[in-house]
Amino acid sequence: MPELPTFDCGALFDALDAQRREHGLGWYELAEVLWQQSSGLNAQRGDHPLCGGAIQRLPIRGAVSCQYALFMLRWLGRPPEDFLVGPLVPVGDANLPRAGADRRLRWDLHELHAALDDGRRQQALAWTELAQELGGTPSRLTNLRKARFADMDLTMRTTQWLGRPAAAFIHPAQW
């Protein structure tokens, strides 16, 4: 069983904190800047903004949702592969797609599940065997089919197992 890299939430936080300090922003100001990346979409949707306190607590939690991380990665201008530790699988161009103020970057977890299921079938693996390879449970993997959120470590271990960049499953979305 090949060893897969893990997503380093602490490294994401450190990069975010360094950029925040460079711009002279407090945590709540940073949350507003991250949120305003999609200002046009936010005005249409009227949904709940990001919380500076939640961003500040990332190192305590040690994990981040794949959708939440995209706000940060977009602002940093870096792909999630930059925050993997361990033996990396080469995936080619990992740059995130561009998104205007009328869109947000979103993981298409249904698409990720479909690719994972195809890969599993090609290798003749049961969900339990694949879960062992990815370091999770079968239900966490099969739940990707209908999930809106997943943790960043799971999504990145999955893309690495597939040998594809995360950007293949991330799209500028407008609801």
N, C-alpha and C. Protein backbone atom coordinates (compact mmCIF):
# COMPACT_ATOMS: atom_id res chain seq x y z
N MET A 1 0.85 -1.19 0.00
CA MET A 1 0.00 0.00 0.00
C MET A 1 0.89 1.24 0.00
N PRO A 2 0.78 2.09 -1.04
CA PRO A 2 1.62 3.29 -1.10
C PRO A 2 1.23 4.30 -0.02
N GLU A 3 2.24 4.97 0.50
CA GLU A 3 1.97 6.02 1.49
C GLU A 3 1.55 7.28 0.75
N LEU A 4 0.50 7.91 1.26
CA LEU A 4 -0.01 9.13 0.64
C LEU A 4 0.31 10.33 1.54
N PRO A 5 0.50 11.49 0.93
CA PRO A 5 0.76 12.69 1.74
C PRO A 5 -0.50 13.13 2.48
N THR A 6 -0.30 13.97 3.46
CA THR A 6 -1.41 14.52 4.23
C THR A 6 -1.43 16.04 4.05
N PHE A 7 -2.61 16.61 4.26
CA PHE A 7 -2.75 18.06 4.16
C PHE A 7 -2.35 18.67 5.49
N ASP A 8 -1.41 19.62 5.45
CA ASP A 8 -0.90 20.26 6.65
C ASP A 8 -1.66 21.56 6.91
N CYS A 9 -2.68 21.45 7.74
CA CYS A 9 -3.51 22.61 8.07
C CYS A 9 -2.68 23.70 8.76
N GLY A 10 -1.71 23.28 9.56
CA GLY A 10 -0.83 24.24 10.23
C GLY A 10 -0.02 25.06 9.24
N ALA A 11 0.45 24.43 8.18
CA ALA A 11 1.21 25.16 7.15
C ALA A 11 0.30 26.14 6.42
N LEU A 12 -0.95 25.75 6.15
CA LEU A 12 -1.90 26.68 5.54
C LEU A 12 -2.11 27.87 6.46
N PHE A 13 -2.31 27.61 7.73
CA PHE A 13 -2.51 28.68 8.70
C PHE A 13 -1.30 29.61 8.73
N ASP A 14 -0.09 29.03 8.76
CA ASP A 14 1.13 29.85 8.82
C ASP A 14 1.25 30.75 7.58
N ALA A 15 0.94 30.23 6.41
CA ALA A 15 1.00 31.03 5.19
C ALA A 15 -0.06 32.14 5.23
N LEU A 16 -1.23 31.80 5.71
CA LEU A 16 -2.31 32.78 5.82
C LEU A 16 -1.94 33.87 6.83
N ASP A 17 -1.39 33.45 7.95
CA ASP A 17 -1.00 34.40 8.99
C ASP A 17 0.10 35.34 8.50
N ALA A 18 1.08 34.79 7.78
CA ALA A 18 2.17 35.62 7.26
C ALA A 18 1.62 36.67 6.28
N GLN A 19 0.74 36.23 5.39
CA GLN A 19 0.15 37.16 4.41
C GLN A 19 -0.74 38.19 5.11
N ARG A 20 -1.48 37.74 6.12
CA ARG A 20 -2.35 38.65 6.89
C ARG A 20 -1.51 39.75 7.55
N ARG A 21 -0.41 39.35 8.17
CA ARG A 21 0.46 40.32 8.83
C ARG A 21 1.08 41.29 7.82
N GLU A 22 1.48 40.73 6.67
CA GLU A 22 2.08 41.56 5.62
C GLU A 22 1.10 42.65 5.15
N HIS A 23 -0.18 42.32 5.15
CA HIS A 23 -1.21 43.28 4.74
C HIS A 23 -1.75 44.11 5.92
N GLY A 24 -1.22 43.87 7.12
CA GLY A 24 -1.64 44.64 8.28
C GLY A 24 -3.09 44.39 8.69
N LEU A 25 -3.55 43.15 8.53
CA LEU A 25 -4.95 42.82 8.82
C LEU A 25 -5.09 42.07 10.14
N GLY A 26 -6.15 42.37 10.87
CA GLY A 26 -6.54 41.55 12.01
C GLY A 26 -7.31 40.35 11.47
N TRP A 27 -7.63 39.43 12.37
CA TRP A 27 -8.31 38.20 11.94
C TRP A 27 -9.70 38.47 11.37
N TYR A 28 -10.43 39.38 11.98
CA TYR A 28 -11.78 39.66 11.48
C TYR A 28 -11.72 40.47 10.19
N GLU A 29 -10.71 41.30 10.06
CA GLU A 29 -10.51 42.02 8.79
C GLU A 29 -10.15 41.03 7.68
N LEU A 30 -9.31 40.06 8.01
CA LEU A 30 -8.96 39.03 7.03
C LEU A 30 -10.20 38.27 6.59
N ALA A 31 -11.03 37.89 7.54
CA ALA A 31 -12.26 37.16 7.20
C ALA A 31 -13.10 37.98 6.22
N GLU A 32 -13.17 39.28 6.43
CA GLU A 32 -13.93 40.14 5.53
C GLU A 32 -13.29 40.19 4.14
N VAL A 33 -11.97 40.27 4.08
CA VAL A 33 -11.26 40.28 2.79
C VAL A 33 -11.51 38.96 2.05
N LEU A 34 -11.41 37.85 2.77
CA LEU A 34 -11.66 36.55 2.15
C LEU A 34 -13.08 36.47 1.61
N TRP A 35 -14.02 36.94 2.41
CA TRP A 35 -15.43 36.91 2.02
C TRP A 35 -15.69 37.79 0.80
N GLN A 36 -15.06 38.95 0.76
CA GLN A 36 -15.31 39.90 -0.32
C GLN A 36 -14.69 39.49 -1.66
N GLN A 37 -13.92 38.42 -1.68
CA GLN A 37 -13.43 37.91 -2.95
C GLN A 37 -14.60 37.57 -3.88
N SER A 38 -15.75 37.25 -3.27
CA SER A 38 -16.96 36.90 -4.02
C SER A 38 -18.06 37.90 -3.73
N SER A 39 -17.73 39.17 -3.71
CA SER A 39 -18.67 40.20 -3.29
C SER A 39 -19.96 40.21 -4.11
N GLY A 40 -19.85 40.05 -5.42
CA GLY A 40 -21.04 40.05 -6.26
C GLY A 40 -21.96 38.87 -5.95
N LEU A 41 -21.38 37.71 -5.79
CA LEU A 41 -22.16 36.52 -5.45
C LEU A 41 -22.77 36.65 -4.06
N ASN A 42 -21.99 37.19 -3.13
CA ASN A 42 -22.49 37.38 -1.76
C ASN A 42 -23.72 38.29 -1.76
N ALA A 43 -23.69 39.35 -2.56
CA ALA A 43 -24.82 40.28 -2.62
C ALA A 43 -26.07 39.59 -3.16
N GLN A 44 -25.89 38.70 -4.13
CA GLN A 44 -27.02 37.95 -4.68
C GLN A 44 -27.58 36.95 -3.68
N ARG A 45 -26.68 36.28 -2.98
CA ARG A 45 -27.09 35.18 -2.10
C ARG A 45 -27.50 35.65 -0.71
N GLY A 46 -26.83 36.68 -0.20
CA GLY A 46 -27.11 37.15 1.15
C GLY A 46 -26.81 36.10 2.20
N ASP A 47 -25.76 35.28 1.96
CA ASP A 47 -25.48 34.24 2.95
C ASP A 47 -24.46 34.69 3.99
N HIS A 48 -24.18 33.80 4.91
CA HIS A 48 -23.42 34.08 6.11
C HIS A 48 -21.93 34.25 5.82
N PRO A 49 -21.31 35.34 6.26
CA PRO A 49 -19.89 35.55 6.01
C PRO A 49 -18.99 34.64 6.85
N LEU A 50 -17.71 34.69 6.53
CA LEU A 50 -16.71 33.92 7.28
C LEU A 50 -16.48 34.55 8.64
N CYS A 51 -15.98 33.75 9.57
CA CYS A 51 -15.72 34.21 10.93
C CYS A 51 -14.22 34.26 11.18
N GLY A 52 -13.74 35.44 11.56
CA GLY A 52 -12.32 35.60 11.86
C GLY A 52 -11.85 34.72 13.00
N GLY A 53 -12.71 34.53 14.00
CA GLY A 53 -12.34 33.66 15.12
C GLY A 53 -12.15 32.22 14.68
N ALA A 54 -12.99 31.76 13.77
CA ALA A 54 -12.87 30.38 13.27
C ALA A 54 -11.56 30.21 12.50
N ILE A 55 -11.19 31.21 11.73
CA ILE A 55 -9.93 31.14 10.99
C ILE A 55 -8.76 31.12 11.97
N GLN A 56 -8.82 31.95 12.97
CA GLN A 56 -7.76 32.04 13.97
C GLN A 56 -7.59 30.72 14.74
N ARG A 57 -8.66 29.93 14.87
CA ARG A 57 -8.60 28.67 15.62
C ARG A 57 -8.18 27.46 14.77
N LEU A 58 -7.84 27.67 13.51
CA LEU A 58 -7.43 26.55 12.66
C LEU A 58 -6.32 25.70 13.26
N PRO A 59 -5.28 26.29 13.84
CA PRO A 59 -4.22 25.44 14.39
C PRO A 59 -4.70 24.58 15.57
N ILE A 60 -5.67 25.07 16.30
CA ILE A 60 -6.20 24.30 17.43
C ILE A 60 -6.98 23.10 16.91
N ARG A 61 -7.80 23.34 15.89
CA ARG A 61 -8.59 22.26 15.30
C ARG A 61 -7.71 21.29 14.53
N GLY A 62 -6.71 21.81 13.83
CA GLY A 62 -5.82 20.96 13.06
C GLY A 62 -6.45 20.40 11.79
N ALA A 63 -7.62 20.90 11.44
CA ALA A 63 -8.32 20.44 10.24
C ALA A 63 -9.16 21.59 9.71
N VAL A 64 -9.50 21.47 8.42
CA VAL A 64 -10.32 22.50 7.79
C VAL A 64 -11.17 21.83 6.72
N SER A 65 -12.37 22.34 6.54
CA SER A 65 -13.26 21.85 5.49
C SER A 65 -12.67 22.20 4.13
N CYS A 66 -12.88 21.34 3.17
CA CYS A 66 -12.34 21.59 1.83
C CYS A 66 -12.94 22.86 1.22
N GLN A 67 -14.21 23.15 1.50
CA GLN A 67 -14.83 24.35 0.93
C GLN A 67 -14.30 25.61 1.62
N TYR A 68 -14.13 25.55 2.93
CA TYR A 68 -13.64 26.69 3.70
C TYR A 68 -12.20 27.02 3.28
N ALA A 69 -11.40 25.98 3.07
CA ALA A 69 -9.99 26.18 2.70
C ALA A 69 -9.86 26.93 1.38
N LEU A 70 -10.83 26.76 0.49
CA LEU A 70 -10.73 27.41 -0.82
C LEU A 70 -10.74 28.93 -0.73
N PHE A 71 -11.46 29.49 0.25
CA PHE A 71 -11.42 30.95 0.44
C PHE A 71 -9.98 31.38 0.70
N MET A 72 -9.28 30.63 1.54
CA MET A 72 -7.92 30.97 1.94
C MET A 72 -6.93 30.74 0.81
N LEU A 73 -7.06 29.59 0.16
CA LEU A 73 -6.16 29.26 -0.94
C LEU A 73 -6.30 30.26 -2.09
N ARG A 74 -7.53 30.67 -2.34
CA ARG A 74 -7.77 31.65 -3.40
C ARG A 74 -7.06 32.95 -3.09
N TRP A 75 -7.17 33.41 -1.86
CA TRP A 75 -6.52 34.66 -1.47
C TRP A 75 -5.01 34.54 -1.52
N LEU A 76 -4.50 33.40 -1.10
CA LEU A 76 -3.05 33.17 -1.12
C LEU A 76 -2.53 32.98 -2.55
N GLY A 77 -3.42 32.59 -3.46
CA GLY A 77 -3.00 32.32 -4.83
C GLY A 77 -2.17 31.05 -4.93
N ARG A 78 -2.50 30.07 -4.07
CA ARG A 78 -1.72 28.84 -4.03
C ARG A 78 -2.64 27.62 -4.11
N PRO A 79 -2.18 26.57 -4.76
CA PRO A 79 -2.98 25.35 -4.82
C PRO A 79 -2.84 24.55 -3.53
N PRO A 80 -3.80 23.69 -3.24
CA PRO A 80 -3.72 22.89 -2.01
C PRO A 80 -2.52 21.96 -1.98
N GLU A 81 -2.02 21.57 -3.14
CA GLU A 81 -0.85 20.69 -3.18
C GLU A 81 0.37 21.32 -2.51
N ASP A 82 0.40 22.64 -2.44
CA ASP A 82 1.52 23.33 -1.76
C ASP A 82 1.57 23.00 -0.27
N PHE A 83 0.49 22.47 0.28
CA PHE A 83 0.41 22.23 1.72
C PHE A 83 0.35 20.74 2.06
N LEU A 84 0.82 19.92 1.13
CA LEU A 84 0.89 18.49 1.39
C LEU A 84 2.26 18.15 1.96
N VAL A 85 2.27 17.22 2.89
CA VAL A 85 3.53 16.72 3.44
C VAL A 85 3.55 15.21 3.27
N GLY A 86 4.72 14.70 2.95
CA GLY A 86 4.87 13.28 2.69
C GLY A 86 5.21 13.08 1.22
N PRO A 87 5.28 11.84 0.81
CA PRO A 87 5.64 11.55 -0.59
C PRO A 87 4.54 11.99 -1.55
N LEU A 88 4.85 12.99 -2.36
CA LEU A 88 3.87 13.57 -3.28
C LEU A 88 3.76 12.76 -4.57
N VAL A 89 2.55 12.68 -5.06
CA VAL A 89 2.28 12.09 -6.37
C VAL A 89 2.30 13.24 -7.37
N PRO A 90 3.12 13.16 -8.42
CA PRO A 90 3.13 14.25 -9.41
C PRO A 90 1.78 14.30 -10.13
N VAL A 91 1.18 15.50 -10.17
CA VAL A 91 -0.15 15.65 -10.75
C VAL A 91 -0.19 16.67 -11.88
N GLY A 92 0.92 17.24 -12.25
CA GLY A 92 0.92 18.26 -13.31
C GLY A 92 0.49 19.61 -12.78
N ASP A 93 -0.15 20.39 -13.64
CA ASP A 93 -0.56 21.74 -13.29
C ASP A 93 -1.60 21.71 -12.19
N ALA A 94 -1.26 22.26 -11.04
CA ALA A 94 -2.15 22.23 -9.88
C ALA A 94 -2.80 23.60 -9.62
N ASN A 95 -2.55 24.58 -10.47
CA ASN A 95 -3.10 25.92 -10.24
C ASN A 95 -4.62 25.88 -10.16
N LEU A 96 -5.13 26.64 -9.20
CA LEU A 96 -6.59 26.73 -9.04
C LEU A 96 -7.19 27.55 -10.17
N PRO A 97 -8.43 27.25 -10.54
CA PRO A 97 -9.09 28.08 -11.56
C PRO A 97 -9.33 29.49 -11.03
N ARG A 98 -9.44 30.43 -11.92
CA ARG A 98 -9.75 31.81 -11.54
C ARG A 98 -11.25 31.94 -11.32
N ALA A 99 -11.58 32.83 -10.40
CA ALA A 99 -12.99 33.10 -10.13
C ALA A 99 -13.16 34.60 -9.94
N GLY A 100 -14.15 35.16 -10.59
CA GLY A 100 -14.44 36.58 -10.44
C GLY A 100 -15.26 36.83 -9.19
N ALA A 101 -15.64 38.08 -8.99
CA ALA A 101 -16.41 38.47 -7.81
C ALA A 101 -17.80 37.84 -7.79
N ASP A 102 -18.24 37.32 -8.95
CA ASP A 102 -19.57 36.70 -9.03
C ASP A 102 -19.53 35.19 -8.78
N ARG A 103 -18.38 34.68 -8.35
CA ARG A 103 -18.23 33.23 -8.16
C ARG A 103 -17.38 32.92 -6.93
N ARG A 104 -17.52 31.68 -6.47
CA ARG A 104 -16.67 31.12 -5.42
C ARG A 104 -16.06 29.84 -5.95
N LEU A 105 -14.87 29.57 -5.51
CA LEU A 105 -14.29 28.26 -5.82
C LEU A 105 -14.98 27.23 -4.93
N ARG A 106 -15.39 26.13 -5.54
CA ARG A 106 -16.07 25.06 -4.80
C ARG A 106 -15.57 23.71 -5.28
N TRP A 107 -15.38 22.82 -4.32
CA TRP A 107 -15.10 21.43 -4.65
C TRP A 107 -16.38 20.79 -5.18
N ASP A 108 -16.25 20.02 -6.23
CA ASP A 108 -17.35 19.19 -6.72
C ASP A 108 -17.12 17.79 -6.15
N LEU A 109 -17.67 17.56 -4.98
CA LEU A 109 -17.44 16.30 -4.28
C LEU A 109 -18.12 15.13 -4.97
N HIS A 110 -19.22 15.40 -5.67
CA HIS A 110 -19.88 14.35 -6.44
C HIS A 110 -18.95 13.87 -7.55
N GLU A 111 -18.31 14.81 -8.23
CA GLU A 111 -17.35 14.48 -9.29
C GLU A 111 -16.14 13.74 -8.72
N LEU A 112 -15.67 14.17 -7.56
CA LEU A 112 -14.55 13.50 -6.89
C LEU A 112 -14.93 12.06 -6.55
N HIS A 113 -16.14 11.86 -6.03
CA HIS A 113 -16.61 10.52 -5.70
C HIS A 113 -16.66 9.64 -6.95
N ALA A 114 -17.17 10.19 -8.06
CA ALA A 114 -17.28 9.42 -9.30
C ALA A 114 -15.90 8.97 -9.78
N ALA A 115 -14.92 9.87 -9.73
CA ALA A 115 -13.55 9.52 -10.14
C ALA A 115 -12.96 8.48 -9.20
N LEU A 116 -13.23 8.63 -7.92
CA LEU A 116 -12.74 7.67 -6.93
C LEU A 116 -13.36 6.30 -7.15
N ASP A 117 -14.65 6.28 -7.41
CA ASP A 117 -15.34 5.01 -7.67
C ASP A 117 -14.79 4.36 -8.94
N ASP A 118 -14.55 5.14 -10.00
CA ASP A 118 -13.96 4.59 -11.22
C ASP A 118 -12.58 3.99 -10.94
N GLY A 119 -11.76 4.73 -10.21
CA GLY A 119 -10.42 4.24 -9.87
C GLY A 119 -10.47 2.99 -9.02
N ARG A 120 -11.39 2.96 -8.10
CA ARG A 120 -11.56 1.78 -7.23
C ARG A 120 -11.94 0.56 -8.07
N ARG A 121 -12.87 0.74 -8.99
CA ARG A 121 -13.31 -0.37 -9.85
C ARG A 121 -12.18 -0.84 -10.76
N GLN A 122 -11.41 0.10 -11.31
CA GLN A 122 -10.29 -0.27 -12.19
C GLN A 122 -9.26 -1.11 -11.46
N GLN A 123 -9.10 -0.84 -10.17
CA GLN A 123 -8.13 -1.60 -9.38
C GLN A 123 -8.77 -2.77 -8.66
N ALA A 124 -10.05 -3.00 -8.92
CA ALA A 124 -10.81 -4.11 -8.32
C ALA A 124 -10.72 -4.09 -6.79
N LEU A 125 -10.94 -2.90 -6.21
CA LEU A 125 -10.90 -2.74 -4.77
C LEU A 125 -12.31 -2.60 -4.21
N ALA A 126 -12.55 -3.20 -3.08
CA ALA A 126 -13.79 -2.96 -2.33
C ALA A 126 -13.63 -1.61 -1.62
N TRP A 127 -14.75 -1.01 -1.25
CA TRP A 127 -14.68 0.27 -0.53
C TRP A 127 -13.87 0.12 0.75
N THR A 128 -13.95 -1.01 1.42
CA THR A 128 -13.19 -1.20 2.66
C THR A 128 -11.69 -1.21 2.38
N GLU A 129 -11.28 -1.83 1.27
CA GLU A 129 -9.86 -1.86 0.92
C GLU A 129 -9.37 -0.46 0.56
N LEU A 130 -10.18 0.25 -0.20
CA LEU A 130 -9.79 1.62 -0.57
C LEU A 130 -9.72 2.51 0.67
N ALA A 131 -10.66 2.36 1.58
CA ALA A 131 -10.64 3.15 2.81
C ALA A 131 -9.36 2.90 3.60
N GLN A 132 -8.89 1.67 3.62
CA GLN A 132 -7.63 1.37 4.31
C GLN A 132 -6.47 2.09 3.63
N GLU A 133 -6.47 2.11 2.30
CA GLU A 133 -5.40 2.80 1.57
C GLU A 133 -5.42 4.30 1.83
N LEU A 134 -6.63 4.86 1.95
CA LEU A 134 -6.76 6.31 2.13
C LEU A 134 -6.76 6.72 3.59
N GLY A 135 -6.78 5.76 4.49
CA GLY A 135 -6.74 6.09 5.91
C GLY A 135 -8.05 6.62 6.44
N GLY A 136 -9.16 6.03 6.04
CA GLY A 136 -10.47 6.48 6.50
C GLY A 136 -11.42 5.29 6.62
N THR A 137 -12.68 5.60 6.56
CA THR A 137 -13.70 4.55 6.62
C THR A 137 -14.44 4.50 5.29
N PRO A 138 -15.01 3.35 4.96
CA PRO A 138 -15.78 3.26 3.71
C PRO A 138 -16.90 4.30 3.65
N SER A 139 -17.56 4.56 4.75
CA SER A 139 -18.68 5.50 4.72
C SER A 139 -18.21 6.93 4.42
N ARG A 140 -17.03 7.30 4.90
CA ARG A 140 -16.51 8.64 4.58
C ARG A 140 -16.29 8.79 3.08
N LEU A 141 -15.88 7.71 2.44
CA LEU A 141 -15.64 7.76 1.00
C LEU A 141 -16.94 7.73 0.21
N THR A 142 -17.82 6.83 0.57
CA THR A 142 -19.09 6.74 -0.19
C THR A 142 -19.96 7.96 0.06
N ASN A 143 -19.82 8.59 1.21
CA ASN A 143 -20.61 9.80 1.51
C ASN A 143 -20.21 11.00 0.65
N LEU A 144 -19.05 10.94 0.03
CA LEU A 144 -18.64 12.03 -0.86
C LEU A 144 -19.63 12.22 -2.00
N ARG A 145 -20.35 11.17 -2.33
CA ARG A 145 -21.30 11.23 -3.45
C ARG A 145 -22.36 12.30 -3.24
N LYS A 146 -22.78 12.49 -1.98
CA LYS A 146 -23.84 13.47 -1.69
C LYS A 146 -23.38 14.60 -0.78
N ALA A 147 -22.13 14.58 -0.39
CA ALA A 147 -21.63 15.55 0.58
C ALA A 147 -21.51 16.95 -0.03
N ARG A 148 -21.69 17.94 0.82
CA ARG A 148 -21.39 19.33 0.45
C ARG A 148 -20.02 19.74 0.99
N PHE A 149 -19.62 19.08 2.08
CA PHE A 149 -18.36 19.39 2.75
C PHE A 149 -17.62 18.09 3.06
N ALA A 150 -16.31 18.18 3.09
CA ALA A 150 -15.45 17.08 3.52
C ALA A 150 -14.19 17.74 4.07
N ASP A 151 -13.44 17.00 4.86
CA ASP A 151 -12.23 17.63 5.37
C ASP A 151 -11.16 17.64 4.29
N MET A 152 -10.32 18.64 4.36
CA MET A 152 -9.32 18.87 3.33
C MET A 152 -8.34 17.71 3.23
N ASP A 153 -8.00 17.09 4.33
CA ASP A 153 -7.06 15.98 4.28
C ASP A 153 -7.64 14.84 3.45
N LEU A 154 -8.91 14.52 3.65
CA LEU A 154 -9.53 13.44 2.88
C LEU A 154 -9.56 13.77 1.39
N THR A 155 -9.97 14.97 1.04
CA THR A 155 -10.05 15.32 -0.38
C THR A 155 -8.67 15.28 -1.03
N MET A 156 -7.65 15.72 -0.33
CA MET A 156 -6.31 15.74 -0.91
C MET A 156 -5.70 14.35 -0.98
N ARG A 157 -5.95 13.52 0.01
CA ARG A 157 -5.46 12.13 -0.08
C ARG A 157 -6.13 11.43 -1.25
N THR A 158 -7.39 11.76 -1.48
CA THR A 158 -8.13 11.17 -2.59
C THR A 158 -7.56 11.62 -3.94
N THR A 159 -7.32 12.92 -4.09
CA THR A 159 -6.78 13.39 -5.37
C THR A 159 -5.38 12.83 -5.61
N GLN A 160 -4.60 12.69 -4.56
CA GLN A 160 -3.28 12.11 -4.70
C GLN A 160 -3.37 10.63 -5.10
N TRP A 161 -4.29 9.91 -4.49
CA TRP A 161 -4.49 8.50 -4.86
C TRP A 161 -4.88 8.39 -6.32
N LEU A 162 -5.72 9.32 -6.78
CA LEU A 162 -6.15 9.33 -8.18
C LEU A 162 -5.04 9.80 -9.12
N GLY A 163 -4.01 10.48 -8.58
CA GLY A 163 -2.94 11.03 -9.41
C GLY A 163 -3.39 12.24 -10.21
N ARG A 164 -4.35 12.98 -9.66
CA ARG A 164 -4.90 14.15 -10.35
C ARG A 164 -4.79 15.37 -9.45
N PRO A 165 -4.66 16.56 -10.05
CA PRO A 165 -4.61 17.77 -9.23
C PRO A 165 -5.97 18.05 -8.61
N ALA A 166 -5.96 18.65 -7.44
CA ALA A 166 -7.22 19.05 -6.79
C ALA A 166 -8.03 19.94 -7.71
N ALA A 167 -7.34 20.78 -8.48
CA ALA A 167 -8.02 21.72 -9.37
C ALA A 167 -8.94 21.03 -10.37
N ALA A 168 -8.72 19.77 -10.63
CA ALA A 168 -9.61 19.03 -11.55
C ALA A 168 -11.00 18.88 -10.97
N PHE A 169 -11.13 19.06 -9.66
CA PHE A 169 -12.41 18.88 -8.97
C PHE A 169 -12.91 20.19 -8.32
N ILE A 170 -12.26 21.29 -8.67
CA ILE A 170 -12.60 22.60 -8.10
C ILE A 170 -13.04 23.50 -9.24
N HIS A 171 -14.19 24.15 -9.06
CA HIS A 171 -14.75 24.96 -10.13
C HIS A 171 -15.23 26.30 -9.58
N PRO A 172 -15.16 27.36 -10.40
CA PRO A 172 -15.77 28.63 -10.01
C PRO A 172 -17.29 28.44 -10.08
N ALA A 173 -17.95 28.52 -8.97
CA ALA A 173 -19.39 28.22 -8.91
C ALA A 173 -20.21 29.47 -8.68
N GLN A 174 -21.37 29.46 -9.29
CA GLN A 174 -22.35 30.51 -9.08
C GLN A 174 -23.68 29.78 -8.89
N TRP A 175 -24.24 29.89 -7.69
CA TRP A 175 -25.44 29.13 -7.39
C TRP A 175 -26.64 29.74 -8.03
